[in-house]
PDB file of all heavy atoms in Angstrom:
ATOM      1  N   ALA A   1      -0.856  11.772  -4.535  1.00  0.00           N
ATOM      2  CA  ALA A   1      -1.303  10.626  -5.322  1.00  0.00           C
ATOM      3  C   ALA A   1      -0.160  10.001  -6.131  1.00  0.00           C
ATOM      4  O   ALA A   1      -0.070   8.773  -6.244  1.00  0.00           O
ATOM      5  CB  ALA A   1      -2.439  11.039  -6.257  1.00  0.00           C
ATOM      6  N   ASN A   2       0.717  10.831  -6.704  1.00  0.00           N
ATOM      7  CA  ASN A   2       1.821  10.283  -7.490  1.00  0.00           C
ATOM      8  C   ASN A   2       2.770   9.465  -6.618  1.00  0.00           C
ATOM      9  O   ASN A   2       3.296   8.430  -7.042  1.00  0.00           O
ATOM     10  CB  ASN A   2       2.585  11.410  -8.189  1.00  0.00           C
ATOM     11  CG  ASN A   2       2.175  11.566  -9.639  1.00  0.00           C
ATOM     12  OD1 ASN A   2       0.985  11.586  -9.939  1.00  0.00           O
ATOM     13  ND2 ASN A   2       3.138  11.681 -10.531  1.00  0.00           N
ATOM     14  N   LEU A   3       2.989   9.927  -5.375  1.00  0.00           N
ATOM     15  CA  LEU A   3       3.834   9.174  -4.453  1.00  0.00           C
ATOM     16  C   LEU A   3       3.170   7.844  -4.104  1.00  0.00           C
ATOM     17  O   LEU A   3       3.845   6.820  -3.987  1.00  0.00           O
ATOM     18  CB  LEU A   3       4.085   9.983  -3.183  1.00  0.00           C
ATOM     19  CG  LEU A   3       4.938   9.297  -2.100  1.00  0.00           C
ATOM     20  CD1 LEU A   3       6.322   8.960  -2.640  1.00  0.00           C
ATOM     21  CD2 LEU A   3       5.043  10.171  -0.854  1.00  0.00           C
ATOM     22  N   ALA A   4       1.857   7.857  -3.933  1.00  0.00           N
ATOM     23  CA  ALA A   4       1.129   6.616  -3.633  1.00  0.00           C
ATOM     24  C   ALA A   4       1.290   5.607  -4.758  1.00  0.00           C
ATOM     25  O   ALA A   4       1.476   4.409  -4.519  1.00  0.00           O
ATOM     26  CB  ALA A   4      -0.350   6.920  -3.389  1.00  0.00           C
ATOM     27  N   ILE A   5       1.234   6.084  -5.997  1.00  0.00           N
ATOM     28  CA  ILE A   5       1.429   5.197  -7.150  1.00  0.00           C
ATOM     29  C   ILE A   5       2.835   4.619  -7.143  1.00  0.00           C
ATOM     30  O   ILE A   5       3.039   3.409  -7.326  1.00  0.00           O
ATOM     31  CB  ILE A   5       1.182   5.965  -8.466  1.00  0.00           C
ATOM     32  CG1 ILE A   5      -0.309   6.283  -8.620  1.00  0.00           C
ATOM     33  CG2 ILE A   5       1.672   5.169  -9.668  1.00  0.00           C
ATOM     34  CD1 ILE A   5      -1.184   5.082  -8.825  1.00  0.00           C
ATOM     35  N   MET A   6       3.829   5.491  -6.954  1.00  0.00           N
ATOM     36  CA  MET A   6       5.222   5.043  -6.954  1.00  0.00           C
ATOM     37  C   MET A   6       5.460   4.011  -5.848  1.00  0.00           C
ATOM     38  O   MET A   6       6.067   2.957  -6.080  1.00  0.00           O
ATOM     39  CB  MET A   6       6.157   6.226  -6.760  1.00  0.00           C
ATOM     40  CG  MET A   6       7.637   5.877  -6.855  1.00  0.00           C
ATOM     41  SD  MET A   6       8.710   7.245  -6.375  1.00  0.00           S
ATOM     42  CE  MET A   6       8.544   7.187  -4.590  1.00  0.00           C
ATOM     43  N   MET A   7       4.963   4.291  -4.643  1.00  0.00           N
ATOM     44  CA  MET A   7       5.196   3.374  -3.523  1.00  0.00           C
ATOM     45  C   MET A   7       4.418   2.070  -3.695  1.00  0.00           C
ATOM     46  O   MET A   7       4.857   1.015  -3.226  1.00  0.00           O
ATOM     47  CB  MET A   7       4.819   4.045  -2.212  1.00  0.00           C
ATOM     48  CG  MET A   7       5.761   5.168  -1.797  1.00  0.00           C
ATOM     49  SD  MET A   7       7.516   4.704  -1.852  1.00  0.00           S
ATOM     50  CE  MET A   7       7.574   3.359  -0.655  1.00  0.00           C
ATOM     51  N   SER A   8       3.289   2.114  -4.365  1.00  0.00           N
ATOM     52  CA  SER A   8       2.562   0.860  -4.627  1.00  0.00           C
ATOM     53  C   SER A   8       3.414  -0.068  -5.482  1.00  0.00           C
ATOM     54  O   SER A   8       3.417  -1.283  -5.291  1.00  0.00           O
ATOM     55  CB  SER A   8       1.224   1.151  -5.301  1.00  0.00           C
ATOM     56  OG  SER A   8       1.364   1.430  -6.676  1.00  0.00           O
ATOM     57  N   GLY A   9       4.156   0.520  -6.419  1.00  0.00           N
ATOM     58  CA  GLY A   9       5.053  -0.287  -7.246  1.00  0.00           C
ATOM     59  C   GLY A   9       6.203  -0.866  -6.451  1.00  0.00           C
ATOM     60  O   GLY A   9       6.499  -2.068  -6.535  1.00  0.00           O
ATOM     61  N   PHE A  10       6.878  -0.016  -5.661  1.00  0.00           N
ATOM     62  CA  PHE A  10       7.979  -0.492  -4.814  1.00  0.00           C
ATOM     63  C   PHE A  10       7.502  -1.578  -3.854  1.00  0.00           C
ATOM     64  O   PHE A  10       8.160  -2.609  -3.669  1.00  0.00           O
ATOM     65  CB  PHE A  10       8.568   0.673  -4.007  1.00  0.00           C
ATOM     66  CG  PHE A  10       9.616   1.465  -4.743  1.00  0.00           C
ATOM     67  CD1 PHE A  10       9.472   2.835  -4.921  1.00  0.00           C
ATOM     68  CD2 PHE A  10      10.755   0.846  -5.261  1.00  0.00           C
ATOM     69  CE1 PHE A  10      10.427   3.566  -5.597  1.00  0.00           C
ATOM     70  CE2 PHE A  10      11.716   1.574  -5.937  1.00  0.00           C
ATOM     71  CZ  PHE A  10      11.554   2.938  -6.107  1.00  0.00           C
ATOM     72  N   CYS A  11       6.352  -1.341  -3.241  1.00  0.00           N
ATOM     73  CA  CYS A  11       5.847  -2.275  -2.232  1.00  0.00           C
ATOM     74  C   CYS A  11       5.396  -3.597  -2.854  1.00  0.00           C
ATOM     75  O   CYS A  11       5.535  -4.654  -2.232  1.00  0.00           O
ATOM     76  CB  CYS A  11       4.698  -1.631  -1.458  1.00  0.00           C
ATOM     77  SG  CYS A  11       5.237  -0.284  -0.368  1.00  0.00           S
ATOM     78  N   THR A  12       4.869  -3.546  -4.063  1.00  0.00           N
ATOM     79  CA  THR A  12       4.490  -4.786  -4.755  1.00  0.00           C
ATOM     80  C   THR A  12       5.716  -5.642  -5.050  1.00  0.00           C
ATOM     81  O   THR A  12       5.700  -6.863  -4.855  1.00  0.00           O
ATOM     82  CB  THR A  12       3.748  -4.458  -6.061  1.00  0.00           C
ATOM     83  OG1 THR A  12       2.520  -3.787  -5.750  1.00  0.00           O
ATOM     84  CG2 THR A  12       3.428  -5.728  -6.850  1.00  0.00           C
ATOM     85  N   ILE A  13       6.789  -5.008  -5.490  1.00  0.00           N
ATOM     86  CA  ILE A  13       8.031  -5.737  -5.759  1.00  0.00           C
ATOM     87  C   ILE A  13       8.611  -6.283  -4.451  1.00  0.00           C
ATOM     88  O   ILE A  13       9.096  -7.427  -4.400  1.00  0.00           O
ATOM     89  CB  ILE A  13       9.045  -4.820  -6.468  1.00  0.00           C
ATOM     90  CG1 ILE A  13       8.504  -4.409  -7.849  1.00  0.00           C
ATOM     91  CG2 ILE A  13      10.399  -5.525  -6.625  1.00  0.00           C
ATOM     92  CD1 ILE A  13       9.305  -3.328  -8.537  1.00  0.00           C
ATOM     93  N   LEU A  14       8.551  -5.474  -3.381  1.00  0.00           N
ATOM     94  CA  LEU A  14       9.023  -5.928  -2.066  1.00  0.00           C
ATOM     95  C   LEU A  14       8.213  -7.133  -1.599  1.00  0.00           C
ATOM     96  O   LEU A  14       8.768  -8.111  -1.080  1.00  0.00           O
ATOM     97  CB  LEU A  14       8.907  -4.790  -1.054  1.00  0.00           C
ATOM     98  CG  LEU A  14       9.254  -5.129   0.404  1.00  0.00           C
ATOM     99  CD1 LEU A  14      10.735  -5.483   0.529  1.00  0.00           C
ATOM    100  CD2 LEU A  14       8.906  -3.957   1.327  1.00  0.00           C
ATOM    101  N   PHE A  15       6.904  -7.086  -1.777  1.00  0.00           N
ATOM    102  CA  PHE A  15       6.024  -8.193  -1.393  1.00  0.00           C
ATOM    103  C   PHE A  15       6.396  -9.459  -2.173  1.00  0.00           C
ATOM    104  O   PHE A  15       6.456 -10.562  -1.613  1.00  0.00           O
ATOM    105  CB  PHE A  15       4.573  -7.806  -1.674  1.00  0.00           C
ATOM    106  CG  PHE A  15       3.553  -8.841  -1.253  1.00  0.00           C
ATOM    107  CD1 PHE A  15       3.022  -8.822   0.025  1.00  0.00           C
ATOM    108  CD2 PHE A  15       3.122  -9.818  -2.133  1.00  0.00           C
ATOM    109  CE1 PHE A  15       2.085  -9.766   0.415  1.00  0.00           C
ATOM    110  CE2 PHE A  15       2.186 -10.761  -1.759  1.00  0.00           C
ATOM    111  CZ  PHE A  15       1.660 -10.738  -0.470  1.00  0.00           C
ATOM    112  N   PHE A  16       6.672  -9.295  -3.460  1.00  0.00           N
ATOM    113  CA  PHE A  16       7.081 -10.420  -4.310  1.00  0.00           C
ATOM    114  C   PHE A  16       8.347 -11.071  -3.753  1.00  0.00           C
ATOM    115  O   PHE A  16       8.438 -12.303  -3.640  1.00  0.00           O
ATOM    116  CB  PHE A  16       7.313  -9.925  -5.743  1.00  0.00           C
ATOM    117  CG  PHE A  16       7.973 -10.915  -6.653  1.00  0.00           C
ATOM    118  CD1 PHE A  16       7.218 -11.844  -7.351  1.00  0.00           C
ATOM    119  CD2 PHE A  16       9.348 -10.919  -6.815  1.00  0.00           C
ATOM    120  CE1 PHE A  16       7.821 -12.765  -8.191  1.00  0.00           C
ATOM    121  CE2 PHE A  16       9.967 -11.832  -7.655  1.00  0.00           C
ATOM    122  CZ  PHE A  16       9.201 -12.758  -8.345  1.00  0.00           C
ATOM    123  N   VAL A  17       9.331 -10.259  -3.385  1.00  0.00           N
ATOM    124  CA  VAL A  17      10.606 -10.784  -2.869  1.00  0.00           C
ATOM    125  C   VAL A  17      10.405 -11.464  -1.515  1.00  0.00           C
ATOM    126  O   VAL A  17      10.889 -12.574  -1.282  1.00  0.00           O
ATOM    127  CB  VAL A  17      11.650  -9.654  -2.761  1.00  0.00           C
ATOM    128  CG1 VAL A  17      12.910 -10.155  -2.073  1.00  0.00           C
ATOM    129  CG2 VAL A  17      11.988  -9.108  -4.143  1.00  0.00           C
ATOM    130  N   MET A  18       9.663 -10.820  -0.609  1.00  0.00           N
ATOM    131  CA  MET A  18       9.512 -11.338   0.755  1.00  0.00           C
ATOM    132  C   MET A  18       8.639 -12.594   0.814  1.00  0.00           C
ATOM    133  O   MET A  18       8.763 -13.386   1.755  1.00  0.00           O
ATOM    134  CB  MET A  18       8.950 -10.255   1.669  1.00  0.00           C
ATOM    135  CG  MET A  18       9.904  -9.087   1.890  1.00  0.00           C
ATOM    136  SD  MET A  18       9.309  -7.894   3.129  1.00  0.00           S
ATOM    137  CE  MET A  18       9.411  -8.879   4.624  1.00  0.00           C
ATOM    138  N   THR A  19       7.769 -12.777  -0.163  1.00  0.00           N
ATOM    139  CA  THR A  19       6.945 -13.995  -0.193  1.00  0.00           C
ATOM    140  C   THR A  19       7.524 -15.043  -1.138  1.00  0.00           C
ATOM    141  O   THR A  19       6.882 -16.055  -1.422  1.00  0.00           O
ATOM    142  CB  THR A  19       5.502 -13.671  -0.624  1.00  0.00           C
ATOM    143  OG1 THR A  19       5.517 -13.046  -1.917  1.00  0.00           O
ATOM    144  CG2 THR A  19       4.819 -12.760   0.377  1.00  0.00           C
ATOM    145  N   GLY A  20       8.739 -14.804  -1.615  1.00  0.00           N
ATOM    146  CA  GLY A  20       9.397 -15.778  -2.477  1.00  0.00           C
ATOM    147  C   GLY A  20       8.737 -15.943  -3.833  1.00  0.00           C
ATOM    148  O   GLY A  20       8.885 -16.976  -4.483  1.00  0.00           O
ATOM    149  N   GLY A  21       8.003 -14.921  -4.276  1.00  0.00           N
ATOM    150  CA  GLY A  21       7.357 -14.990  -5.582  1.00  0.00           C
ATOM    151  C   GLY A  21       6.285 -16.059  -5.679  1.00  0.00           C
ATOM    152  O   GLY A  21       5.986 -16.549  -6.771  1.00  0.00           O
ATOM    153  N   ARG A  22       5.680 -16.406  -4.541  1.00  0.00           N
ATOM    154  CA  ARG A  22       4.701 -17.502  -4.519  1.00  0.00           C
ATOM    155  C   ARG A  22       3.260 -17.035  -4.340  1.00  0.00           C
ATOM    156  O   ARG A  22       2.343 -17.848  -4.434  1.00  0.00           O
ATOM    157  CB  ARG A  22       5.065 -18.488  -3.404  1.00  0.00           C
ATOM    158  CG  ARG A  22       6.442 -19.126  -3.602  1.00  0.00           C
ATOM    159  CD  ARG A  22       6.830 -20.042  -2.462  1.00  0.00           C
ATOM    160  NE  ARG A  22       8.213 -20.492  -2.598  1.00  0.00           N
ATOM    161  CZ  ARG A  22       8.597 -21.526  -3.331  1.00  0.00           C
ATOM    162  NH1 ARG A  22       7.697 -22.234  -3.989  1.00  0.00           N
ATOM    163  NH2 ARG A  22       9.883 -21.864  -3.411  1.00  0.00           N
ATOM    164  N   VAL A  23       3.066 -15.738  -4.056  1.00  0.00           N
ATOM    165  CA  VAL A  23       1.709 -15.222  -3.831  1.00  0.00           C
ATOM    166  C   VAL A  23       1.422 -14.120  -4.848  1.00  0.00           C
ATOM    167  O   VAL A  23       1.997 -13.026  -4.765  1.00  0.00           O
ATOM    168  CB  VAL A  23       1.561 -14.653  -2.403  1.00  0.00           C
ATOM    169  CG1 VAL A  23       0.132 -14.170  -2.175  1.00  0.00           C
ATOM    170  CG2 VAL A  23       1.944 -15.702  -1.366  1.00  0.00           C
ATOM    171  N   PRO A  24       0.558 -14.360  -5.813  1.00  0.00           N
ATOM    172  CA  PRO A  24       0.244 -13.334  -6.816  1.00  0.00           C
ATOM    173  C   PRO A  24      -0.641 -12.242  -6.216  1.00  0.00           C
ATOM    174  O   PRO A  24      -1.834 -12.436  -6.012  1.00  0.00           O
ATOM    175  CB  PRO A  24      -0.499 -14.117  -7.908  1.00  0.00           C
ATOM    176  CG  PRO A  24      -1.105 -15.285  -7.187  1.00  0.00           C
ATOM    177  CD  PRO A  24      -0.169 -15.616  -6.073  1.00  0.00           C
ATOM    178  N   SER A  25      -0.067 -11.093  -5.918  1.00  0.00           N
ATOM    179  CA  SER A  25      -0.818  -9.992  -5.307  1.00  0.00           C
ATOM    180  C   SER A  25      -0.195  -8.661  -5.684  1.00  0.00           C
ATOM    181  O   SER A  25       1.019  -8.557  -5.872  1.00  0.00           O
ATOM    182  CB  SER A  25      -0.843 -10.120  -3.777  1.00  0.00           C
ATOM    183  OG  SER A  25      -1.689 -11.149  -3.356  1.00  0.00           O
ATOM    184  N   TYR A  26      -1.054  -7.651  -5.773  1.00  0.00           N
ATOM    185  CA  TYR A  26      -0.600  -6.274  -5.973  1.00  0.00           C
ATOM    186  C   TYR A  26      -0.916  -5.495  -4.706  1.00  0.00           C
ATOM    187  O   TYR A  26      -1.995  -5.630  -4.140  1.00  0.00           O
ATOM    188  CB  TYR A  26      -1.297  -5.626  -7.178  1.00  0.00           C
ATOM    189  CG  TYR A  26      -0.662  -4.311  -7.562  1.00  0.00           C
ATOM    190  CD1 TYR A  26       0.300  -4.263  -8.562  1.00  0.00           C
ATOM    191  CD2 TYR A  26      -0.983  -3.132  -6.892  1.00  0.00           C
ATOM    192  CE1 TYR A  26       0.928  -3.068  -8.894  1.00  0.00           C
ATOM    193  CE2 TYR A  26      -0.359  -1.941  -7.205  1.00  0.00           C
ATOM    194  CZ  TYR A  26       0.593  -1.916  -8.203  1.00  0.00           C
ATOM    195  OH  TYR A  26       1.221  -0.740  -8.516  1.00  0.00           O
ATOM    196  N   LEU A  27       0.027  -4.675  -4.242  1.00  0.00           N
ATOM    197  CA  LEU A  27      -0.188  -3.855  -3.060  1.00  0.00           C
ATOM    198  C   LEU A  27      -0.529  -2.426  -3.473  1.00  0.00           C
ATOM    199  O   LEU A  27       0.207  -1.813  -4.256  1.00  0.00           O
ATOM    200  CB  LEU A  27       1.058  -3.832  -2.165  1.00  0.00           C
ATOM    201  CG  LEU A  27       1.532  -5.154  -1.562  1.00  0.00           C
ATOM    202  CD1 LEU A  27       2.551  -4.886  -0.461  1.00  0.00           C
ATOM    203  CD2 LEU A  27       0.386  -5.974  -1.016  1.00  0.00           C
ATOM    204  N   GLY A  28      -1.639  -1.930  -2.954  1.00  0.00           N
ATOM    205  CA  GLY A  28      -2.062  -0.565  -3.252  1.00  0.00           C
ATOM    206  C   GLY A  28      -2.586   0.118  -2.009  1.00  0.00           C
ATOM    207  O   GLY A  28      -2.644  -0.460  -0.919  1.00  0.00           O
ATOM    208  N   SER A  29      -2.998   1.377  -2.149  1.00  0.00           N
ATOM    209  CA  SER A  29      -3.475   2.175  -1.025  1.00  0.00           C
ATOM    210  C   SER A  29      -4.699   1.535  -0.380  1.00  0.00           C
ATOM    211  O   SER A  29      -5.667   1.205  -1.056  1.00  0.00           O
ATOM    212  CB  SER A  29      -3.849   3.583  -1.510  1.00  0.00           C
ATOM    213  OG  SER A  29      -2.765   4.203  -2.156  1.00  0.00           O
ATOM    214  N   SER A  30      -4.660   1.392   0.934  1.00  0.00           N
ATOM    215  CA  SER A  30      -5.758   0.759   1.655  1.00  0.00           C
ATOM    216  C   SER A  30      -6.816   1.783   2.069  1.00  0.00           C
ATOM    217  O   SER A  30      -6.499   2.813   2.659  1.00  0.00           O
ATOM    218  CB  SER A  30      -5.242   0.049   2.907  1.00  0.00           C
ATOM    219  OG  SER A  30      -6.314  -0.426   3.689  1.00  0.00           O
ATOM    220  N   PHE A  31      -8.077   1.449   1.787  1.00  0.00           N
ATOM    221  CA  PHE A  31      -9.193   2.309   2.192  1.00  0.00           C
ATOM    222  C   PHE A  31      -9.474   2.179   3.690  1.00  0.00           C
ATOM    223  O   PHE A  31     -10.189   3.010   4.254  1.00  0.00           O
ATOM    224  CB  PHE A  31     -10.444   1.939   1.396  1.00  0.00           C
ATOM    225  CG  PHE A  31     -10.479   2.541   0.022  1.00  0.00           C
ATOM    226  CD1 PHE A  31      -9.670   2.047  -0.995  1.00  0.00           C
ATOM    227  CD2 PHE A  31     -11.309   3.610  -0.261  1.00  0.00           C
ATOM    228  CE1 PHE A  31      -9.695   2.604  -2.263  1.00  0.00           C
ATOM    229  CE2 PHE A  31     -11.337   4.174  -1.529  1.00  0.00           C
ATOM    230  CZ  PHE A  31     -10.533   3.678  -2.535  1.00  0.00           C
ATOM    231  N   ALA A  32      -8.924   1.154   4.326  1.00  0.00           N
ATOM    232  CA  ALA A  32      -9.178   0.949   5.757  1.00  0.00           C
ATOM    233  C   ALA A  32      -8.613   2.086   6.599  1.00  0.00           C
ATOM    234  O   ALA A  32      -9.023   2.281   7.748  1.00  0.00           O
ATOM    235  CB  ALA A  32      -8.573  -0.379   6.202  1.00  0.00           C
ATOM    236  N   PHE A  33      -7.677   2.864   6.045  1.00  0.00           N
ATOM    237  CA  PHE A  33      -7.045   3.940   6.807  1.00  0.00           C
ATOM    238  C   PHE A  33      -7.802   5.269   6.724  1.00  0.00           C
ATOM    239  O   PHE A  33      -7.510   6.189   7.489  1.00  0.00           O
ATOM    240  CB  PHE A  33      -5.610   4.170   6.312  1.00  0.00           C
ATOM    241  CG  PHE A  33      -4.649   3.073   6.680  1.00  0.00           C
ATOM    242  CD1 PHE A  33      -4.355   2.055   5.792  1.00  0.00           C
ATOM    243  CD2 PHE A  33      -4.041   3.058   7.921  1.00  0.00           C
ATOM    244  CE1 PHE A  33      -3.476   1.036   6.121  1.00  0.00           C
ATOM    245  CE2 PHE A  33      -3.157   2.050   8.268  1.00  0.00           C
ATOM    246  CZ  PHE A  33      -2.876   1.031   7.366  1.00  0.00           C
ATOM    247  N   ILE A  34      -8.740   5.390   5.801  1.00  0.00           N
ATOM    248  CA  ILE A  34      -9.363   6.692   5.542  1.00  0.00           C
ATOM    249  C   ILE A  34     -10.031   7.256   6.785  1.00  0.00           C
ATOM    250  O   ILE A  34      -9.800   8.398   7.186  1.00  0.00           O
ATOM    251  CB  ILE A  34     -10.365   6.587   4.373  1.00  0.00           C
ATOM    252  CG1 ILE A  34      -9.617   6.270   3.073  1.00  0.00           C
ATOM    253  CG2 ILE A  34     -11.136   7.906   4.224  1.00  0.00           C
ATOM    254  CD1 ILE A  34     -10.524   6.033   1.882  1.00  0.00           C
ATOM    255  N   GLY A  35     -10.881   6.460   7.430  1.00  0.00           N
ATOM    256  CA  GLY A  35     -11.608   6.938   8.603  1.00  0.00           C
ATOM    257  C   GLY A  35     -10.702   7.281   9.764  1.00  0.00           C
ATOM    258  O   GLY A  35     -10.874   8.331  10.419  1.00  0.00           O
ATOM    259  N   VAL A  36      -9.718   6.424  10.051  1.00  0.00           N
ATOM    260  CA  VAL A  36      -8.847   6.662  11.212  1.00  0.00           C
ATOM    261  C   VAL A  36      -7.882   7.808  10.964  1.00  0.00           C
ATOM    262  O   VAL A  36      -7.527   8.541  11.895  1.00  0.00           O
ATOM    263  CB  VAL A  36      -8.076   5.379  11.602  1.00  0.00           C
ATOM    264  CG1 VAL A  36      -9.039   4.331  12.133  1.00  0.00           C
ATOM    265  CG2 VAL A  36      -7.279   4.821  10.429  1.00  0.00           C
ATOM    266  N   VAL A  37      -7.443   7.984   9.723  1.00  0.00           N
ATOM    267  CA  VAL A  37      -6.576   9.126   9.403  1.00  0.00           C
ATOM    268  C   VAL A  37      -7.352  10.425   9.589  1.00  0.00           C
ATOM    269  O   VAL A  37      -6.840  11.407  10.142  1.00  0.00           O
ATOM    270  CB  VAL A  37      -6.025   9.017   7.967  1.00  0.00           C
ATOM    271  CG1 VAL A  37      -5.434  10.351   7.509  1.00  0.00           C
ATOM    272  CG2 VAL A  37      -4.959   7.932   7.892  1.00  0.00           C
ATOM    273  N   ALA A  38      -8.614  10.430   9.147  1.00  0.00           N
ATOM    274  CA  ALA A  38      -9.451  11.620   9.333  1.00  0.00           C
ATOM    275  C   ALA A  38      -9.637  11.917  10.817  1.00  0.00           C
ATOM    276  O   ALA A  38      -9.580  13.079  11.252  1.00  0.00           O
ATOM    277  CB  ALA A  38     -10.804  11.415   8.661  1.00  0.00           C
ATOM    278  N   ALA A  39      -9.818  10.871  11.620  1.00  0.00           N
ATOM    279  CA  ALA A  39     -10.011  11.058  13.056  1.00  0.00           C
ATOM    280  C   ALA A  39      -8.730  11.525  13.741  1.00  0.00           C
ATOM    281  O   ALA A  39      -8.765  12.391  14.625  1.00  0.00           O
ATOM    282  CB  ALA A  39     -10.488   9.754  13.688  1.00  0.00           C
ATOM    283  N   ALA A  40      -7.590  10.982  13.328  1.00  0.00           N
ATOM    284  CA  ALA A  40      -6.319  11.300  13.985  1.00  0.00           C
ATOM    285  C   ALA A  40      -5.786  12.668  13.601  1.00  0.00           C
ATOM    286  O   ALA A  40      -5.048  13.296  14.375  1.00  0.00           O
ATOM    287  CB  ALA A  40      -5.280  10.234  13.653  1.00  0.00           C
ATOM    288  N   THR A  41      -6.157  13.145  12.429  1.00  0.00           N
ATOM    289  CA  THR A  41      -5.600  14.412  11.934  1.00  0.00           C
ATOM    290  C   THR A  41      -6.619  15.539  11.872  1.00  0.00           C
ATOM    291  O   THR A  41      -6.262  16.669  11.515  1.00  0.00           O
ATOM    292  CB  THR A  41      -4.997  14.219  10.528  1.00  0.00           C
ATOM    293  OG1 THR A  41      -6.040  13.816   9.619  1.00  0.00           O
ATOM    294  CG2 THR A  41      -3.895  13.186  10.529  1.00  0.00           C
ATOM    295  N   ALA A  42      -7.891  15.240  12.193  1.00  0.00           N
ATOM    296  CA  ALA A  42      -8.974  16.233  12.096  1.00  0.00           C
ATOM    297  C   ALA A  42      -9.035  16.831  10.700  1.00  0.00           C
ATOM    298  O   ALA A  42      -9.276  18.037  10.513  1.00  0.00           O
ATOM    299  CB  ALA A  42      -8.790  17.333  13.145  1.00  0.00           C
ATOM    300  N   HIS A  43      -8.818  15.972   9.702  1.00  0.00           N
ATOM    301  CA  HIS A  43      -8.825  16.402   8.300  1.00  0.00           C
ATOM    302  C   HIS A  43     -10.093  15.900   7.633  1.00  0.00           C
ATOM    303  O   HIS A  43     -10.385  14.703   7.651  1.00  0.00           O
ATOM    304  CB  HIS A  43      -7.591  15.838   7.583  1.00  0.00           C
ATOM    305  CG  HIS A  43      -7.588  16.081   6.099  1.00  0.00           C
ATOM    306  ND1 HIS A  43      -7.372  17.329   5.558  1.00  0.00           N
ATOM    307  CD2 HIS A  43      -7.780  15.234   5.055  1.00  0.00           C
ATOM    308  CE1 HIS A  43      -7.398  17.231   4.236  1.00  0.00           C
ATOM    309  NE2 HIS A  43      -7.659  15.980   3.913  1.00  0.00           N
TER     310      HIS A  43
END
């Protein structure tokens, strides 16, 4: 979880740079991956 928090910060700043600071958005952990990760890893 701590790594997810740290990477959300890095990725938000990266998103800001790559979109030229024109799209107000925060990047965080996506729930869309939960089901497929469980299926792919049998976790």
